[in-house]
Amino acid sequence: MEVCRARGRQHVARAGRGGQGLARVAVVVRAGAAPMWWLGVCAAGIGLAVPGLTGRRIGVLAGAALFLLTAAVVARTGRRRYRRLAEGAVRAGRHDVLQDRAVSLRVWRRGHRWWLLLAFLAALGSSFAAPAAAGLLLAGAGTGLRLKAAWLGRLERAADALLWVRVDWLGKRGGRPAGPAVKGYRSTGPAAGDAAPGGARRRTAALV
């Protein structure tokens, strides 16, 4: 089965002769991991310069607990929904268009840029109460997204298939791959697209 890859700024629902624009589920899931991690680490580092009401030691200890708790919650939330959608995935059509990994990341980050900025500023502001705590919480959310994407990668390897979702079902910010609008996933062979199982960058992209 031949599936065409999306090039450039492809972000449309339909792609010629009845095809659909598809984004990799794992790529969308992990799109926020790096921004949240780095913004959280930066906020925590800057926050350590402020003694805060609780003191640095208590702030860091609270932040470490929040980091672990948030990472675990984010990583496990929605797994049943993802698994159900994965089990019901249907084969992608020959005219479906696969969105490049870079495009999926750009769409997510552009749609969430103000949310990320507000989260960063809130983490900085909270340092006056508990230094580094909120920054580590934000970093924990990013870690949880990366762990969830890795779990999806294990599902893909077990099924020997990659999971895709229609881009028009992702929401206006391009970031809800298991939201209520998603009615099902599509699948391709493991060599399709330019992202490896789990959404990481693939060394070489291939057409299948």
N, C-alpha and C. Protein backbone atom coordinates (compact mmCIF):
# COMPACT_ATOMS: atom_id res chain seq x y z
N MET A 1 0.85 -1.19 0.00
CA MET A 1 0.00 0.00 0.00
C MET A 1 0.88 1.24 0.00
N GLU A 2 0.57 2.13 -0.87
CA GLU A 2 1.38 3.34 -0.98
C GLU A 2 0.72 4.46 -0.21
N VAL A 3 1.49 5.13 0.64
CA VAL A 3 0.99 6.27 1.39
C VAL A 3 1.92 7.44 1.14
N CYS A 4 1.36 8.56 0.73
CA CYS A 4 2.16 9.74 0.41
C CYS A 4 2.52 10.47 1.69
N ARG A 5 3.71 11.08 1.73
CA ARG A 5 4.12 11.87 2.87
C ARG A 5 3.80 13.32 2.64
N ALA A 6 3.46 14.00 3.74
CA ALA A 6 3.20 15.44 3.66
C ALA A 6 4.51 16.19 3.62
N ARG A 7 4.55 17.25 2.86
CA ARG A 7 5.72 18.11 2.79
C ARG A 7 5.32 19.53 3.18
N GLY A 8 6.32 20.29 3.70
CA GLY A 8 6.11 21.69 4.01
C GLY A 8 5.09 21.89 5.10
N ARG A 9 4.14 22.78 4.87
CA ARG A 9 3.20 23.20 5.89
C ARG A 9 1.87 22.47 5.76
N GLN A 10 1.93 21.18 5.50
CA GLN A 10 0.72 20.39 5.31
C GLN A 10 -0.06 20.32 6.61
N HIS A 11 -1.28 20.81 6.62
CA HIS A 11 -2.11 20.73 7.82
C HIS A 11 -3.57 20.78 7.40
N VAL A 12 -3.95 19.93 6.47
CA VAL A 12 -5.30 19.92 5.96
C VAL A 12 -5.93 18.60 6.27
N ALA A 13 -7.25 18.59 6.28
CA ALA A 13 -7.96 17.37 6.61
C ALA A 13 -8.05 16.43 5.43
N ARG A 14 -8.18 16.98 4.23
CA ARG A 14 -8.31 16.14 3.06
C ARG A 14 -7.17 16.45 2.11
N ALA A 15 -6.74 15.44 1.39
CA ALA A 15 -5.56 15.63 0.56
C ALA A 15 -5.73 14.94 -0.78
N GLY A 16 -6.57 15.47 -1.59
CA GLY A 16 -6.67 15.00 -2.96
C GLY A 16 -7.24 13.60 -3.10
N ARG A 17 -8.17 13.42 -3.98
CA ARG A 17 -8.74 12.12 -4.33
C ARG A 17 -9.24 11.38 -3.10
N GLY A 18 -9.78 12.10 -2.12
CA GLY A 18 -10.40 11.47 -0.97
C GLY A 18 -9.48 11.12 0.16
N GLY A 19 -8.18 11.48 0.08
CA GLY A 19 -7.25 11.16 1.16
C GLY A 19 -7.42 12.09 2.35
N GLN A 20 -6.84 11.69 3.48
CA GLN A 20 -6.89 12.48 4.70
C GLN A 20 -5.48 12.86 5.13
N GLY A 21 -5.33 14.05 5.72
CA GLY A 21 -4.07 14.43 6.34
C GLY A 21 -3.94 13.74 7.68
N LEU A 22 -2.84 13.04 7.90
CA LEU A 22 -2.64 12.25 9.12
C LEU A 22 -1.38 12.70 9.86
N ALA A 23 -1.47 12.78 11.18
CA ALA A 23 -0.32 13.10 12.03
C ALA A 23 -0.02 11.91 12.92
N ARG A 24 1.26 11.69 13.22
CA ARG A 24 1.64 10.59 14.10
C ARG A 24 1.17 10.88 15.52
N VAL A 25 0.49 9.91 16.12
CA VAL A 25 -0.03 10.06 17.47
C VAL A 25 1.10 10.33 18.46
N ALA A 26 2.15 9.52 18.40
CA ALA A 26 3.25 9.65 19.36
C ALA A 26 3.98 10.99 19.21
N VAL A 27 4.08 11.50 18.00
CA VAL A 27 4.74 12.79 17.78
C VAL A 27 3.93 13.91 18.44
N VAL A 28 2.61 13.87 18.28
CA VAL A 28 1.77 14.90 18.90
C VAL A 28 1.85 14.81 20.42
N VAL A 29 1.87 13.58 20.95
CA VAL A 29 1.94 13.40 22.40
C VAL A 29 3.22 14.00 22.96
N ARG A 30 4.35 13.75 22.31
CA ARG A 30 5.62 14.21 22.85
C ARG A 30 5.99 15.62 22.41
N ALA A 31 5.13 16.28 21.65
CA ALA A 31 5.46 17.62 21.14
C ALA A 31 5.69 18.62 22.27
N GLY A 32 4.98 18.46 23.37
CA GLY A 32 5.15 19.40 24.47
C GLY A 32 6.20 18.99 25.48
N ALA A 33 6.81 17.82 25.31
CA ALA A 33 7.74 17.31 26.31
C ALA A 33 8.97 18.22 26.46
N ALA A 34 9.63 18.53 25.36
CA ALA A 34 10.85 19.33 25.44
C ALA A 34 10.58 20.76 25.93
N PRO A 35 9.56 21.47 25.39
CA PRO A 35 9.30 22.82 25.91
C PRO A 35 8.98 22.84 27.40
N MET A 36 8.15 21.90 27.85
CA MET A 36 7.80 21.87 29.27
C MET A 36 9.01 21.56 30.14
N TRP A 37 9.83 20.61 29.69
CA TRP A 37 11.01 20.24 30.46
C TRP A 37 11.96 21.43 30.62
N TRP A 38 12.31 22.05 29.49
CA TRP A 38 13.30 23.13 29.55
C TRP A 38 12.76 24.37 30.25
N LEU A 39 11.50 24.71 30.01
CA LEU A 39 10.93 25.86 30.71
C LEU A 39 10.84 25.58 32.21
N GLY A 40 10.48 24.35 32.56
CA GLY A 40 10.42 23.99 33.98
C GLY A 40 11.77 24.03 34.65
N VAL A 41 12.79 23.49 33.99
CA VAL A 41 14.14 23.50 34.55
C VAL A 41 14.65 24.93 34.70
N CYS A 42 14.41 25.76 33.68
CA CYS A 42 14.84 27.16 33.76
C CYS A 42 14.12 27.89 34.89
N ALA A 43 12.80 27.67 35.01
CA ALA A 43 12.04 28.32 36.08
C ALA A 43 12.53 27.87 37.45
N ALA A 44 12.84 26.57 37.58
CA ALA A 44 13.33 26.06 38.85
C ALA A 44 14.70 26.65 39.18
N GLY A 45 15.57 26.73 38.18
CA GLY A 45 16.90 27.28 38.41
C GLY A 45 16.86 28.73 38.81
N ILE A 46 16.04 29.51 38.10
CA ILE A 46 15.91 30.93 38.44
C ILE A 46 15.27 31.09 39.81
N GLY A 47 14.30 30.22 40.09
CA GLY A 47 13.60 30.31 41.37
C GLY A 47 14.49 30.07 42.57
N LEU A 48 15.57 29.32 42.38
CA LEU A 48 16.49 29.06 43.50
C LEU A 48 17.21 30.32 43.96
N ALA A 49 17.19 31.35 43.12
CA ALA A 49 17.83 32.61 43.52
C ALA A 49 16.98 33.37 44.54
N VAL A 50 15.74 32.93 44.72
CA VAL A 50 14.83 33.60 45.66
C VAL A 50 14.65 32.72 46.89
N PRO A 51 14.90 33.22 48.10
CA PRO A 51 14.74 32.38 49.30
C PRO A 51 13.33 31.85 49.46
N GLY A 52 12.33 32.67 49.14
CA GLY A 52 10.95 32.23 49.25
C GLY A 52 10.47 32.13 50.68
N LEU A 53 9.16 31.94 50.83
CA LEU A 53 8.57 31.85 52.17
C LEU A 53 8.94 30.55 52.86
N THR A 54 9.06 29.48 52.10
CA THR A 54 9.34 28.17 52.69
C THR A 54 10.83 27.88 52.83
N GLY A 55 11.65 28.65 52.12
CA GLY A 55 13.08 28.35 52.08
C GLY A 55 13.40 27.43 50.92
N ARG A 56 14.66 27.46 50.49
CA ARG A 56 15.06 26.70 49.30
C ARG A 56 14.95 25.19 49.53
N ARG A 57 15.34 24.73 50.68
CA ARG A 57 15.37 23.28 50.93
C ARG A 57 13.97 22.68 50.82
N ILE A 58 13.02 23.30 51.49
CA ILE A 58 11.64 22.79 51.44
C ILE A 58 11.07 22.92 50.03
N GLY A 59 11.39 24.03 49.37
CA GLY A 59 10.91 24.22 48.00
C GLY A 59 11.41 23.15 47.05
N VAL A 60 12.70 22.82 47.17
CA VAL A 60 13.28 21.79 46.30
C VAL A 60 12.70 20.42 46.62
N LEU A 61 12.56 20.10 47.90
CA LEU A 61 11.99 18.81 48.27
C LEU A 61 10.54 18.68 47.78
N ALA A 62 9.77 19.75 47.96
CA ALA A 62 8.39 19.73 47.47
C ALA A 62 8.37 19.61 45.95
N GLY A 63 9.28 20.32 45.29
CA GLY A 63 9.35 20.25 43.84
C GLY A 63 9.71 18.86 43.34
N ALA A 64 10.63 18.19 44.04
CA ALA A 64 11.01 16.83 43.65
C ALA A 64 9.82 15.88 43.75
N ALA A 65 9.05 16.03 44.83
CA ALA A 65 7.86 15.19 44.99
C ALA A 65 6.83 15.49 43.89
N LEU A 66 6.64 16.78 43.60
CA LEU A 66 5.70 17.16 42.54
C LEU A 66 6.17 16.67 41.18
N PHE A 67 7.48 16.70 40.95
CA PHE A 67 8.04 16.21 39.68
C PHE A 67 7.69 14.74 39.48
N LEU A 68 7.95 13.92 40.48
CA LEU A 68 7.69 12.48 40.36
C LEU A 68 6.20 12.20 40.23
N LEU A 69 5.39 12.88 41.03
CA LEU A 69 3.95 12.65 40.99
C LEU A 69 3.36 13.07 39.65
N THR A 70 3.75 14.25 39.18
CA THR A 70 3.21 14.76 37.91
C THR A 70 3.64 13.89 36.75
N ALA A 71 4.90 13.49 36.73
CA ALA A 71 5.39 12.63 35.65
C ALA A 71 4.61 11.32 35.60
N ALA A 72 4.35 10.73 36.77
CA ALA A 72 3.61 9.46 36.81
C ALA A 72 2.17 9.65 36.35
N VAL A 73 1.52 10.71 36.81
CA VAL A 73 0.11 10.94 36.45
C VAL A 73 -0.02 11.21 34.95
N VAL A 74 0.82 12.10 34.42
CA VAL A 74 0.74 12.44 33.00
C VAL A 74 1.05 11.21 32.13
N ALA A 75 2.04 10.42 32.54
CA ALA A 75 2.43 9.25 31.75
C ALA A 75 1.31 8.22 31.68
N ARG A 76 0.51 8.09 32.73
CA ARG A 76 -0.50 7.03 32.78
C ARG A 76 -1.89 7.50 32.38
N THR A 77 -2.14 8.79 32.41
CA THR A 77 -3.48 9.30 32.10
C THR A 77 -3.87 8.98 30.65
N GLY A 78 -5.05 8.42 30.48
CA GLY A 78 -5.58 8.17 29.14
C GLY A 78 -5.08 6.92 28.46
N ARG A 79 -4.33 6.07 29.15
CA ARG A 79 -3.77 4.89 28.48
C ARG A 79 -4.86 3.96 27.96
N ARG A 80 -5.94 3.83 28.71
CA ARG A 80 -7.01 2.95 28.26
C ARG A 80 -7.61 3.45 26.95
N ARG A 81 -7.79 4.76 26.86
CA ARG A 81 -8.33 5.36 25.63
C ARG A 81 -7.37 5.16 24.46
N TYR A 82 -6.08 5.40 24.68
CA TYR A 82 -5.10 5.20 23.61
C TYR A 82 -5.07 3.74 23.16
N ARG A 83 -5.10 2.83 24.12
CA ARG A 83 -5.04 1.41 23.78
C ARG A 83 -6.26 0.99 22.96
N ARG A 84 -7.43 1.49 23.36
CA ARG A 84 -8.66 1.14 22.64
C ARG A 84 -8.61 1.67 21.20
N LEU A 85 -8.15 2.90 21.04
CA LEU A 85 -8.04 3.47 19.69
C LEU A 85 -7.00 2.71 18.87
N ALA A 86 -5.90 2.32 19.51
CA ALA A 86 -4.86 1.58 18.80
C ALA A 86 -5.36 0.21 18.34
N GLU A 87 -6.12 -0.45 19.19
CA GLU A 87 -6.63 -1.77 18.83
C GLU A 87 -7.64 -1.71 17.68
N GLY A 88 -8.32 -0.56 17.55
CA GLY A 88 -9.29 -0.42 16.47
C GLY A 88 -8.77 0.29 15.24
N ALA A 89 -7.45 0.51 15.17
CA ALA A 89 -6.87 1.24 14.05
C ALA A 89 -7.09 0.50 12.73
N VAL A 90 -7.41 1.26 11.68
CA VAL A 90 -7.59 0.70 10.35
C VAL A 90 -6.43 1.15 9.46
N ARG A 91 -6.18 0.38 8.44
CA ARG A 91 -5.05 0.67 7.56
C ARG A 91 -5.26 2.00 6.82
N ALA A 92 -4.21 2.81 6.76
CA ALA A 92 -4.29 4.08 6.04
C ALA A 92 -4.50 3.82 4.55
N GLY A 93 -5.22 4.73 3.91
CA GLY A 93 -5.48 4.60 2.48
C GLY A 93 -4.30 5.03 1.63
N ARG A 94 -4.31 4.62 0.39
CA ARG A 94 -3.18 4.93 -0.49
C ARG A 94 -3.06 6.42 -0.79
N HIS A 95 -4.14 7.18 -0.62
CA HIS A 95 -4.09 8.61 -0.90
C HIS A 95 -4.02 9.46 0.37
N ASP A 96 -3.92 8.82 1.53
CA ASP A 96 -3.74 9.59 2.76
C ASP A 96 -2.37 10.26 2.76
N VAL A 97 -2.30 11.44 3.37
CA VAL A 97 -1.07 12.23 3.39
C VAL A 97 -0.50 12.24 4.80
N LEU A 98 0.73 11.77 4.94
CA LEU A 98 1.38 11.70 6.24
C LEU A 98 2.12 13.00 6.54
N GLN A 99 1.76 13.60 7.65
CA GLN A 99 2.36 14.88 8.04
C GLN A 99 3.78 14.67 8.56
N ASP A 100 4.70 15.51 8.13
CA ASP A 100 6.07 15.43 8.62
C ASP A 100 6.12 15.67 10.13
N ARG A 101 7.08 15.05 10.77
CA ARG A 101 7.26 15.20 12.21
C ARG A 101 7.45 16.67 12.59
N ALA A 102 8.28 17.38 11.85
CA ALA A 102 8.56 18.78 12.17
C ALA A 102 7.30 19.63 12.09
N VAL A 103 6.42 19.31 11.15
CA VAL A 103 5.17 20.07 11.01
C VAL A 103 4.27 19.83 12.21
N SER A 104 4.15 18.57 12.64
CA SER A 104 3.32 18.25 13.80
C SER A 104 3.83 18.96 15.05
N LEU A 105 5.15 18.97 15.24
CA LEU A 105 5.73 19.67 16.39
C LEU A 105 5.45 21.16 16.32
N ARG A 106 5.62 21.74 15.13
CA ARG A 106 5.42 23.18 14.98
C ARG A 106 3.97 23.57 15.23
N VAL A 107 3.03 22.77 14.74
CA VAL A 107 1.61 23.06 14.94
C VAL A 107 1.27 23.03 16.42
N TRP A 108 1.75 22.01 17.14
CA TRP A 108 1.46 21.91 18.57
C TRP A 108 2.06 23.09 19.33
N ARG A 109 3.31 23.39 19.07
CA ARG A 109 3.99 24.44 19.83
C ARG A 109 3.44 25.81 19.51
N ARG A 110 3.04 26.02 18.28
CA ARG A 110 2.42 27.30 17.94
C ARG A 110 1.07 27.44 18.62
N GLY A 111 0.32 26.34 18.68
CA GLY A 111 -1.00 26.39 19.30
C GLY A 111 -0.96 26.52 20.81
N HIS A 112 0.16 26.15 21.42
CA HIS A 112 0.27 26.19 22.88
C HIS A 112 1.29 27.21 23.37
N ARG A 113 1.78 28.09 22.53
CA ARG A 113 2.88 28.98 22.94
C ARG A 113 2.48 29.90 24.08
N TRP A 114 1.23 30.41 24.06
CA TRP A 114 0.82 31.32 25.13
C TRP A 114 0.60 30.55 26.43
N TRP A 115 0.09 29.33 26.32
CA TRP A 115 -0.07 28.51 27.52
C TRP A 115 1.29 28.21 28.14
N LEU A 116 2.27 27.90 27.31
CA LEU A 116 3.62 27.62 27.81
C LEU A 116 4.22 28.86 28.48
N LEU A 117 4.01 30.02 27.87
CA LEU A 117 4.53 31.26 28.46
C LEU A 117 3.90 31.53 29.82
N LEU A 118 2.57 31.37 29.90
CA LEU A 118 1.89 31.60 31.17
C LEU A 118 2.34 30.60 32.23
N ALA A 119 2.53 29.34 31.83
CA ALA A 119 3.00 28.33 32.79
C ALA A 119 4.39 28.68 33.30
N PHE A 120 5.26 29.16 32.41
CA PHE A 120 6.61 29.55 32.82
C PHE A 120 6.57 30.73 33.79
N LEU A 121 5.76 31.74 33.46
CA LEU A 121 5.67 32.91 34.34
C LEU A 121 5.06 32.54 35.69
N ALA A 122 4.06 31.65 35.67
CA ALA A 122 3.46 31.22 36.93
C ALA A 122 4.47 30.46 37.79
N ALA A 123 5.29 29.63 37.13
CA ALA A 123 6.32 28.88 37.87
C ALA A 123 7.34 29.83 38.48
N LEU A 124 7.70 30.88 37.73
CA LEU A 124 8.63 31.87 38.28
C LEU A 124 8.01 32.60 39.46
N GLY A 125 6.77 33.03 39.30
CA GLY A 125 6.11 33.78 40.36
C GLY A 125 5.95 32.98 41.63
N SER A 126 5.69 31.69 41.48
CA SER A 126 5.48 30.84 42.66
C SER A 126 6.76 30.63 43.46
N SER A 127 7.90 30.98 42.86
CA SER A 127 9.17 30.81 43.57
C SER A 127 9.27 31.71 44.80
N PHE A 128 8.48 32.78 44.83
CA PHE A 128 8.48 33.64 46.01
C PHE A 128 7.82 32.93 47.20
N ALA A 129 7.03 31.90 46.91
CA ALA A 129 6.43 31.11 47.98
C ALA A 129 7.23 29.84 48.24
N ALA A 130 7.48 29.06 47.18
CA ALA A 130 8.23 27.80 47.31
C ALA A 130 9.22 27.72 46.15
N PRO A 131 10.47 28.09 46.38
CA PRO A 131 11.46 28.12 45.30
C PRO A 131 11.57 26.78 44.56
N ALA A 132 11.54 26.85 43.24
CA ALA A 132 11.78 25.72 42.33
C ALA A 132 10.62 24.72 42.26
N ALA A 133 9.66 24.78 43.16
CA ALA A 133 8.63 23.74 43.22
C ALA A 133 7.79 23.68 41.95
N ALA A 134 7.23 24.82 41.53
CA ALA A 134 6.37 24.82 40.35
C ALA A 134 7.17 24.55 39.08
N GLY A 135 8.41 25.00 39.05
CA GLY A 135 9.25 24.72 37.89
C GLY A 135 9.48 23.22 37.72
N LEU A 136 9.73 22.53 38.83
CA LEU A 136 9.92 21.08 38.77
C LEU A 136 8.61 20.37 38.42
N LEU A 137 7.49 20.92 38.84
CA LEU A 137 6.19 20.36 38.44
C LEU A 137 6.03 20.43 36.92
N LEU A 138 6.37 21.59 36.34
CA LEU A 138 6.27 21.75 34.89
C LEU A 138 7.22 20.80 34.17
N ALA A 139 8.43 20.66 34.69
CA ALA A 139 9.38 19.71 34.09
C ALA A 139 8.86 18.28 34.21
N GLY A 140 8.17 17.98 35.31
CA GLY A 140 7.60 16.65 35.47
C GLY A 140 6.53 16.36 34.44
N ALA A 141 5.74 17.38 34.09
CA ALA A 141 4.72 17.20 33.05
C ALA A 141 5.38 16.86 31.72
N GLY A 142 6.48 17.55 31.40
CA GLY A 142 7.21 17.24 30.17
C GLY A 142 7.77 15.84 30.18
N THR A 143 8.30 15.41 31.32
CA THR A 143 8.83 14.05 31.43
C THR A 143 7.71 13.03 31.26
N GLY A 144 6.54 13.32 31.84
CA GLY A 144 5.41 12.41 31.70
C GLY A 144 4.97 12.24 30.26
N LEU A 145 4.99 13.33 29.49
CA LEU A 145 4.63 13.23 28.08
C LEU A 145 5.64 12.37 27.32
N ARG A 146 6.91 12.51 27.64
CA ARG A 146 7.92 11.70 26.98
C ARG A 146 7.75 10.22 27.33
N LEU A 147 7.41 9.94 28.59
CA LEU A 147 7.17 8.55 28.99
C LEU A 147 5.94 7.98 28.30
N LYS A 148 4.90 8.81 28.14
CA LYS A 148 3.70 8.34 27.45
C LYS A 148 4.01 8.03 26.00
N ALA A 149 4.79 8.89 25.35
CA ALA A 149 5.17 8.64 23.96
C ALA A 149 5.99 7.36 23.85
N ALA A 150 6.87 7.12 24.82
CA ALA A 150 7.66 5.88 24.81
C ALA A 150 6.76 4.66 24.96
N TRP A 151 5.73 4.78 25.80
CA TRP A 151 4.77 3.68 25.95
C TRP A 151 4.03 3.42 24.64
N LEU A 152 3.63 4.50 23.96
CA LEU A 152 3.00 4.35 22.65
C LEU A 152 3.96 3.68 21.66
N GLY A 153 5.23 4.01 21.77
CA GLY A 153 6.22 3.38 20.91
C GLY A 153 6.29 1.88 21.13
N ARG A 154 6.15 1.45 22.37
CA ARG A 154 6.14 0.01 22.65
C ARG A 154 4.90 -0.66 22.05
N LEU A 155 3.76 0.05 22.10
CA LEU A 155 2.56 -0.48 21.45
C LEU A 155 2.78 -0.64 19.95
N GLU A 156 3.42 0.38 19.35
CA GLU A 156 3.65 0.34 17.91
C GLU A 156 4.61 -0.79 17.54
N ARG A 157 5.64 -0.98 18.33
CA ARG A 157 6.59 -2.07 18.03
C ARG A 157 5.93 -3.43 18.19
N ALA A 158 5.08 -3.56 19.21
CA ALA A 158 4.41 -4.84 19.43
C ALA A 158 3.47 -5.18 18.27
N ALA A 159 2.83 -4.15 17.71
CA ALA A 159 1.90 -4.37 16.60
C ALA A 159 2.60 -4.29 15.24
N ASP A 160 3.88 -3.90 15.24
CA ASP A 160 4.63 -3.72 14.00
C ASP A 160 3.91 -2.75 13.06
N ALA A 161 3.38 -1.68 13.65
CA ALA A 161 2.63 -0.68 12.88
C ALA A 161 2.71 0.65 13.59
N LEU A 162 2.67 1.74 12.82
CA LEU A 162 2.68 3.09 13.38
C LEU A 162 1.25 3.62 13.42
N LEU A 163 0.96 4.42 14.45
CA LEU A 163 -0.39 4.94 14.67
C LEU A 163 -0.48 6.39 14.21
N TRP A 164 -1.55 6.69 13.49
CA TRP A 164 -1.78 8.03 12.95
C TRP A 164 -3.19 8.48 13.28
N VAL A 165 -3.38 9.81 13.34
CA VAL A 165 -4.69 10.38 13.62
C VAL A 165 -4.95 11.51 12.62
N ARG A 166 -6.20 11.67 12.23
CA ARG A 166 -6.54 12.74 11.31
C ARG A 166 -6.25 14.10 11.94
N VAL A 167 -5.64 14.98 11.17
CA VAL A 167 -5.25 16.28 11.72
C VAL A 167 -6.46 17.14 12.08
N ASP A 168 -7.59 16.95 11.39
CA ASP A 168 -8.75 17.77 11.71
C ASP A 168 -9.46 17.28 12.97
N TRP A 169 -9.01 16.18 13.54
CA TRP A 169 -9.56 15.70 14.81
C TRP A 169 -8.70 16.11 16.00
N LEU A 170 -7.61 16.80 15.77
CA LEU A 170 -6.68 17.14 16.85
C LEU A 170 -7.08 18.37 17.64
N GLY A 171 -8.09 19.09 17.19
CA GLY A 171 -8.48 20.31 17.86
C GLY A 171 -7.77 21.51 17.26
N LYS A 172 -8.22 22.70 17.62
CA LYS A 172 -7.69 23.91 16.99
C LYS A 172 -6.23 24.17 17.35
N ARG A 173 -5.76 23.60 18.46
CA ARG A 173 -4.35 23.77 18.84
C ARG A 173 -3.49 22.58 18.41
N GLY A 174 -4.11 21.61 17.77
CA GLY A 174 -3.35 20.48 17.24
C GLY A 174 -2.74 19.59 18.29
N GLY A 175 -3.41 19.44 19.46
CA GLY A 175 -2.77 18.71 20.53
C GLY A 175 -3.63 17.73 21.29
N ARG A 176 -4.69 17.17 20.67
CA ARG A 176 -5.55 16.23 21.40
C ARG A 176 -5.68 14.93 20.60
N PRO A 177 -4.64 14.11 20.58
CA PRO A 177 -4.66 12.89 19.77
C PRO A 177 -5.56 11.79 20.31
N ALA A 178 -6.11 11.98 21.52
CA ALA A 178 -7.06 11.01 22.05
C ALA A 178 -8.30 11.72 22.58
N GLY A 179 -8.57 12.92 22.06
CA GLY A 179 -9.71 13.71 22.51
C GLY A 179 -11.03 13.14 22.04
N PRO A 180 -12.13 13.72 22.50
CA PRO A 180 -13.46 13.20 22.13
C PRO A 180 -13.75 13.28 20.64
N ALA A 181 -13.08 14.18 19.92
CA ALA A 181 -13.33 14.29 18.48
C ALA A 181 -12.68 13.16 17.69
N VAL A 182 -11.73 12.45 18.31
CA VAL A 182 -11.02 11.38 17.61
C VAL A 182 -11.87 10.12 17.62
N LYS A 183 -12.26 9.69 16.43
CA LYS A 183 -13.13 8.52 16.30
C LYS A 183 -12.36 7.24 16.02
N GLY A 184 -11.09 7.36 15.69
CA GLY A 184 -10.30 6.18 15.42
C GLY A 184 -8.93 6.55 14.88
N TYR A 185 -8.01 5.60 14.94
CA TYR A 185 -6.67 5.79 14.41
C TYR A 185 -6.54 5.06 13.09
N ARG A 186 -5.50 5.43 12.36
CA ARG A 186 -5.11 4.68 11.17
C ARG A 186 -3.69 4.17 11.37
N SER A 187 -3.34 3.16 10.65
CA SER A 187 -2.02 2.54 10.84
C SER A 187 -1.30 2.40 9.52
N THR A 188 0.03 2.38 9.61
CA THR A 188 0.88 2.12 8.46
C THR A 188 1.96 1.14 8.89
N GLY A 189 2.77 0.74 7.94
CA GLY A 189 3.92 -0.08 8.27
C GLY A 189 4.93 0.71 9.08
N PRO A 190 5.88 0.04 9.74
CA PRO A 190 6.84 0.71 10.62
C PRO A 190 7.83 1.62 9.91
N ALA A 191 7.92 1.55 8.58
CA ALA A 191 8.87 2.39 7.85
C ALA A 191 8.25 3.68 7.34
N ALA A 192 6.95 3.88 7.55
CA ALA A 192 6.28 5.06 7.00
C ALA A 192 6.65 6.32 7.77
N GLY A 193 6.69 7.43 7.07
CA GLY A 193 6.93 8.71 7.72
C GLY A 193 8.38 8.92 8.12
N ASP A 194 8.62 10.02 8.83
CA ASP A 194 9.99 10.37 9.21
C ASP A 194 10.20 10.34 10.72
N ALA A 195 9.33 9.63 11.45
CA ALA A 195 9.49 9.49 12.90
C ALA A 195 9.47 8.01 13.27
N ALA A 196 10.34 7.63 14.18
CA ALA A 196 10.43 6.25 14.63
C ALA A 196 9.29 5.92 15.59
N PRO A 197 9.09 4.65 15.94
CA PRO A 197 8.10 4.31 16.96
C PRO A 197 8.34 5.10 18.25
N GLY A 198 7.29 5.68 18.80
CA GLY A 198 7.43 6.54 19.96
C GLY A 198 7.57 8.01 19.61
N GLY A 199 7.71 8.33 18.32
CA GLY A 199 7.73 9.72 17.89
C GLY A 199 9.08 10.39 17.80
N ALA A 200 10.16 9.67 18.12
CA ALA A 200 11.49 10.26 18.01
C ALA A 200 11.88 10.44 16.55
N ARG A 201 12.88 11.27 16.32
CA ARG A 201 13.34 11.51 14.96
C ARG A 201 13.93 10.24 14.36
N ARG A 202 13.57 9.97 13.12
CA ARG A 202 14.14 8.83 12.41
C ARG A 202 15.35 9.29 11.61
N ARG A 203 16.36 8.46 11.55
CA ARG A 203 17.57 8.85 10.82
C ARG A 203 17.30 9.02 9.33
N THR A 204 16.55 8.10 8.77
CA THR A 204 16.20 8.20 7.35
C THR A 204 14.71 8.00 7.21
N ALA A 205 14.06 8.84 6.39
CA ALA A 205 12.64 8.72 6.14
C ALA A 205 12.43 7.81 4.95
N ALA A 206 11.32 7.09 4.98
CA ALA A 206 11.04 6.17 3.89
C ALA A 206 9.60 6.27 3.47
N LEU A 207 9.33 5.97 2.21
CA LEU A 207 7.98 5.90 1.70
C LEU A 207 7.56 4.44 1.65
N VAL A 208 6.34 4.18 2.06
CA VAL A 208 5.82 2.82 1.95
C VAL A 208 4.48 2.88 1.25
